N, C-alpha and C. Protein backbone atom coordinates (compact mmCIF):
# COMPACT_ATOMS: atom_id res chain seq x y z
N MET A 1 -93.90 97.54 -12.93
CA MET A 1 -93.54 96.14 -12.80
C MET A 1 -92.02 96.02 -12.60
N GLN A 2 -91.64 95.26 -11.60
CA GLN A 2 -90.23 95.10 -11.28
C GLN A 2 -89.65 93.93 -12.06
N ASN A 3 -88.49 94.15 -12.68
CA ASN A 3 -87.82 93.07 -13.41
C ASN A 3 -87.10 92.17 -12.43
N LYS A 4 -87.37 90.88 -12.51
CA LYS A 4 -86.69 89.92 -11.65
C LYS A 4 -85.48 89.38 -12.40
N ARG A 5 -84.41 89.19 -11.65
CA ARG A 5 -83.21 88.57 -12.20
C ARG A 5 -82.90 87.32 -11.41
N LEU A 6 -82.43 86.32 -12.11
CA LEU A 6 -82.00 85.09 -11.44
C LEU A 6 -80.57 85.31 -10.97
N GLU A 7 -80.40 85.46 -9.65
CA GLU A 7 -79.09 85.67 -9.07
C GLU A 7 -79.00 84.97 -7.73
N LYS A 8 -77.77 84.71 -7.30
CA LYS A 8 -77.55 84.01 -6.04
C LYS A 8 -78.10 84.82 -4.88
N SER A 9 -78.58 84.11 -3.87
CA SER A 9 -79.14 84.74 -2.69
C SER A 9 -78.05 85.05 -1.67
N ASP A 10 -78.27 86.13 -0.92
CA ASP A 10 -77.37 86.43 0.19
C ASP A 10 -77.62 85.50 1.37
N ASP A 11 -78.85 84.96 1.45
CA ASP A 11 -79.23 84.00 2.48
C ASP A 11 -78.85 82.62 1.97
N ARG A 12 -77.59 82.26 2.14
CA ARG A 12 -77.08 81.05 1.50
C ARG A 12 -76.70 79.98 2.51
N VAL A 13 -76.80 78.74 2.04
CA VAL A 13 -76.32 77.61 2.81
C VAL A 13 -74.96 77.18 2.24
N VAL A 14 -74.88 77.04 0.92
CA VAL A 14 -73.61 76.70 0.29
C VAL A 14 -73.19 77.86 -0.63
N PHE A 15 -73.79 77.93 -1.83
CA PHE A 15 -73.46 79.00 -2.77
C PHE A 15 -74.60 80.00 -2.99
N GLY A 16 -75.78 79.72 -2.46
CA GLY A 16 -76.91 80.63 -2.63
C GLY A 16 -77.76 80.36 -3.85
N VAL A 17 -77.52 79.22 -4.52
CA VAL A 17 -78.26 78.91 -5.74
C VAL A 17 -79.72 78.62 -5.44
N CYS A 18 -80.00 77.75 -4.49
CA CYS A 18 -81.40 77.40 -4.16
C CYS A 18 -82.16 78.62 -3.66
N GLY A 19 -81.52 79.44 -2.85
CA GLY A 19 -82.17 80.65 -2.37
C GLY A 19 -82.47 81.62 -3.50
N GLY A 20 -81.55 81.74 -4.44
CA GLY A 20 -81.76 82.61 -5.60
C GLY A 20 -82.89 82.13 -6.48
N ILE A 21 -82.97 80.83 -6.69
CA ILE A 21 -84.06 80.26 -7.48
C ILE A 21 -85.39 80.48 -6.77
N ALA A 22 -85.41 80.29 -5.45
CA ALA A 22 -86.63 80.49 -4.68
C ALA A 22 -87.09 81.95 -4.74
N ASP A 23 -86.16 82.89 -4.62
CA ASP A 23 -86.51 84.31 -4.73
C ASP A 23 -87.07 84.63 -6.11
N PHE A 24 -86.46 84.08 -7.14
CA PHE A 24 -86.88 84.34 -8.51
C PHE A 24 -88.29 83.81 -8.78
N LEU A 25 -88.57 82.59 -8.28
CA LEU A 25 -89.86 81.96 -8.52
C LEU A 25 -90.93 82.39 -7.52
N GLY A 26 -90.51 82.98 -6.40
CA GLY A 26 -91.45 83.36 -5.35
C GLY A 26 -91.86 82.18 -4.49
N TRP A 27 -91.03 81.17 -4.43
CA TRP A 27 -91.28 79.97 -3.64
C TRP A 27 -90.53 80.05 -2.32
N SER A 28 -90.83 79.14 -1.43
CA SER A 28 -90.11 79.00 -0.18
C SER A 28 -88.72 78.44 -0.46
N LYS A 29 -87.72 78.96 0.23
CA LYS A 29 -86.35 78.45 0.05
C LYS A 29 -86.26 76.99 0.47
N GLN A 30 -87.01 76.64 1.50
CA GLN A 30 -87.00 75.25 1.98
C GLN A 30 -87.56 74.31 0.91
N THR A 31 -88.59 74.73 0.20
CA THR A 31 -89.19 73.91 -0.87
C THR A 31 -88.17 73.65 -1.97
N VAL A 32 -87.46 74.69 -2.38
CA VAL A 32 -86.47 74.53 -3.45
C VAL A 32 -85.33 73.63 -2.99
N ARG A 33 -84.92 73.77 -1.73
CA ARG A 33 -83.84 72.92 -1.22
C ARG A 33 -84.26 71.45 -1.15
N ILE A 34 -85.51 71.19 -0.81
CA ILE A 34 -86.01 69.81 -0.79
C ILE A 34 -86.07 69.24 -2.20
N LEU A 35 -86.54 70.06 -3.16
CA LEU A 35 -86.57 69.60 -4.55
C LEU A 35 -85.17 69.32 -5.07
N TRP A 36 -84.20 70.18 -4.69
CA TRP A 36 -82.82 69.94 -5.09
C TRP A 36 -82.32 68.61 -4.53
N PHE A 37 -82.67 68.32 -3.28
CA PHE A 37 -82.27 67.05 -2.66
C PHE A 37 -82.86 65.87 -3.43
N VAL A 38 -84.11 65.97 -3.83
CA VAL A 38 -84.74 64.89 -4.61
C VAL A 38 -84.02 64.70 -5.94
N PHE A 39 -83.70 65.81 -6.63
CA PHE A 39 -82.96 65.71 -7.89
C PHE A 39 -81.58 65.11 -7.67
N THR A 40 -80.96 65.40 -6.53
CA THR A 40 -79.66 64.83 -6.22
C THR A 40 -79.76 63.32 -6.05
N LEU A 41 -80.82 62.85 -5.40
CA LEU A 41 -81.02 61.41 -5.26
C LEU A 41 -81.21 60.74 -6.61
N MET A 42 -81.76 61.48 -7.59
CA MET A 42 -81.96 60.93 -8.93
C MET A 42 -80.69 61.06 -9.78
N GLY A 43 -79.65 61.70 -9.24
CA GLY A 43 -78.39 61.80 -9.94
C GLY A 43 -78.20 63.07 -10.73
N LEU A 44 -79.10 64.04 -10.62
CA LEU A 44 -79.00 65.26 -11.41
C LEU A 44 -78.59 66.48 -10.61
N GLY A 45 -78.83 66.47 -9.33
CA GLY A 45 -78.72 67.67 -8.50
C GLY A 45 -77.34 68.27 -8.39
N ILE A 46 -76.33 67.49 -8.14
CA ILE A 46 -75.00 68.04 -7.88
C ILE A 46 -74.42 68.70 -9.12
N LEU A 47 -74.52 68.06 -10.26
CA LEU A 47 -73.98 68.63 -11.49
C LEU A 47 -74.69 69.93 -11.86
N VAL A 48 -76.01 69.94 -11.81
CA VAL A 48 -76.79 71.14 -12.13
C VAL A 48 -76.48 72.24 -11.14
N TYR A 49 -76.38 71.92 -9.86
CA TYR A 49 -76.08 72.91 -8.83
C TYR A 49 -74.71 73.56 -9.08
N LEU A 50 -73.70 72.76 -9.39
CA LEU A 50 -72.37 73.30 -9.63
C LEU A 50 -72.33 74.18 -10.88
N ILE A 51 -73.04 73.79 -11.92
CA ILE A 51 -73.11 74.62 -13.12
C ILE A 51 -73.78 75.95 -12.81
N LEU A 52 -74.90 75.90 -12.08
CA LEU A 52 -75.59 77.14 -11.72
C LEU A 52 -74.74 78.01 -10.79
N ALA A 53 -74.00 77.40 -9.89
CA ALA A 53 -73.13 78.16 -8.99
C ALA A 53 -72.07 78.92 -9.77
N LEU A 54 -71.64 78.37 -10.89
CA LEU A 54 -70.62 79.03 -11.72
C LEU A 54 -71.21 80.13 -12.59
N ILE A 55 -72.42 79.95 -13.11
CA ILE A 55 -72.94 80.91 -14.09
C ILE A 55 -73.89 81.95 -13.51
N MET A 56 -74.48 81.71 -12.35
CA MET A 56 -75.40 82.68 -11.76
C MET A 56 -74.63 83.84 -11.15
N PRO A 57 -75.03 85.08 -11.45
CA PRO A 57 -74.35 86.22 -10.83
C PRO A 57 -74.77 86.39 -9.37
N SER A 58 -73.90 87.02 -8.59
CA SER A 58 -74.23 87.33 -7.21
C SER A 58 -75.05 88.61 -7.19
N LYS A 59 -75.80 88.83 -6.09
CA LYS A 59 -76.57 90.07 -5.97
C LYS A 59 -75.61 91.23 -5.87
N SER A 60 -75.98 92.31 -6.51
CA SER A 60 -75.13 93.51 -6.49
C SER A 60 -75.43 94.37 -5.29
C-alpha cells in the first residue's frame, strides 16, 4: 500500500493547491477547482486557499 501525502501539484494553475488536493483524494482536478470556486463565492475559498498554499509542502 502506497502512503499518500497531501502536497502541492506540479500541474498548477496558481499555487498547485487544488491539484494537490485532487491527487490526494483521487478526484478530477477540474472538480476540485469548481468546488473551490463555489467556496470562494460563499466567502471561504480565498482565505482557505492562501492558508493551504503556505502550509502544504511542494512535491519532492
